[in-house]
Amino acid sequence: MWTVVYIAPNKREAERLNRHLTEEGFLVKLRAIGPPNSGNSCSIEILVPESEVDEALEIINTI
């Protein structure tokens, strides 16, 4: 099961965190919150597998 570990305020921030987590070896999914045509201005949920939540949060908190 995938779990939300962070909600980024925009696509740019989400992609930055996605890149960082992926480099650390995490599986990551991004999911937009809001209308499908909102582009870069919508918030983005960052999800990782439930078993990796604690480790992913440690990485996010050190960025």
Protein backbone atom coordinates (compact mmCIF):
# COMPACT_ATOMS: atom_id res chain seq x y z
CA MET A 1 0.00 0.00 0.00
CA TRP A 2 1.23 3.48 -0.87
CA THR A 3 1.23 6.18 1.82
CA VAL A 4 1.41 9.97 1.52
CA VAL A 5 4.56 11.26 3.25
CA TYR A 6 4.47 14.87 2.06
CA ILE A 7 2.27 17.31 0.16
CA ALA A 8 4.35 19.61 -2.03
CA PRO A 9 2.89 23.05 -2.82
CA ASN A 10 3.73 22.79 -6.53
CA LYS A 11 5.07 20.48 -9.22
CA ARG A 12 8.61 21.86 -9.09
CA GLU A 13 8.98 21.09 -5.37
CA ALA A 14 7.42 17.64 -5.84
CA GLU A 15 9.86 16.77 -8.60
CA ARG A 16 12.80 17.96 -6.50
CA LEU A 17 11.76 15.73 -3.58
CA ASN A 18 10.98 12.87 -5.96
CA ARG A 19 14.48 13.09 -7.43
CA HIS A 20 16.10 13.19 -4.00
CA LEU A 21 14.12 10.23 -2.64
CA THR A 22 14.70 8.20 -5.80
CA GLU A 23 18.45 8.83 -5.54
CA GLU A 24 18.28 7.42 -2.00
CA GLY A 25 16.67 4.23 -3.36
CA PHE A 26 12.99 4.83 -2.57
CA LEU A 27 10.07 3.95 -4.81
CA VAL A 28 8.06 7.15 -5.22
CA LYS A 29 4.70 8.07 -6.79
CA LEU A 30 3.42 11.60 -7.36
CA ARG A 31 -0.31 12.36 -7.36
CA ALA A 32 -1.79 15.76 -8.16
CA ILE A 33 -4.44 17.21 -5.88
CA GLY A 34 -7.05 19.23 -7.68
CA PRO A 35 -8.40 19.59 -11.21
CA PRO A 36 -6.48 17.65 -13.88
CA ASN A 37 -5.78 20.82 -15.92
CA SER A 38 -4.32 22.90 -13.09
CA GLY A 39 -0.75 22.45 -14.41
CA ASN A 40 2.18 23.42 -12.20
CA SER A 41 0.08 25.34 -9.67
CA CYS A 42 -1.63 22.41 -7.94
CA SER A 43 -0.39 20.65 -4.81
CA ILE A 44 1.21 17.23 -5.30
CA GLU A 45 1.10 14.29 -2.91
CA ILE A 46 4.35 12.34 -2.56
CA LEU A 47 3.74 8.69 -1.81
CA VAL A 48 6.06 5.83 -0.85
CA PRO A 49 5.36 2.21 0.07
CA GLU A 50 3.99 1.89 3.60
CA SER A 51 7.07 -0.06 4.72
CA GLU A 52 9.36 2.86 3.78
CA VAL A 53 7.43 5.74 5.39
CA ASP A 54 9.70 6.27 8.41
CA GLU A 55 12.89 6.23 6.37
CA ALA A 56 11.44 8.54 3.70
CA LEU A 57 10.32 11.02 6.36
CA GLU A 58 13.84 11.07 7.82
CA ILE A 59 15.22 11.98 4.37
CA ILE A 60 12.55 14.65 3.76
CA ASN A 61 13.22 16.22 7.17
CA THR A 62 16.94 16.55 6.40
CA ILE A 63 16.45 18.29 3.04
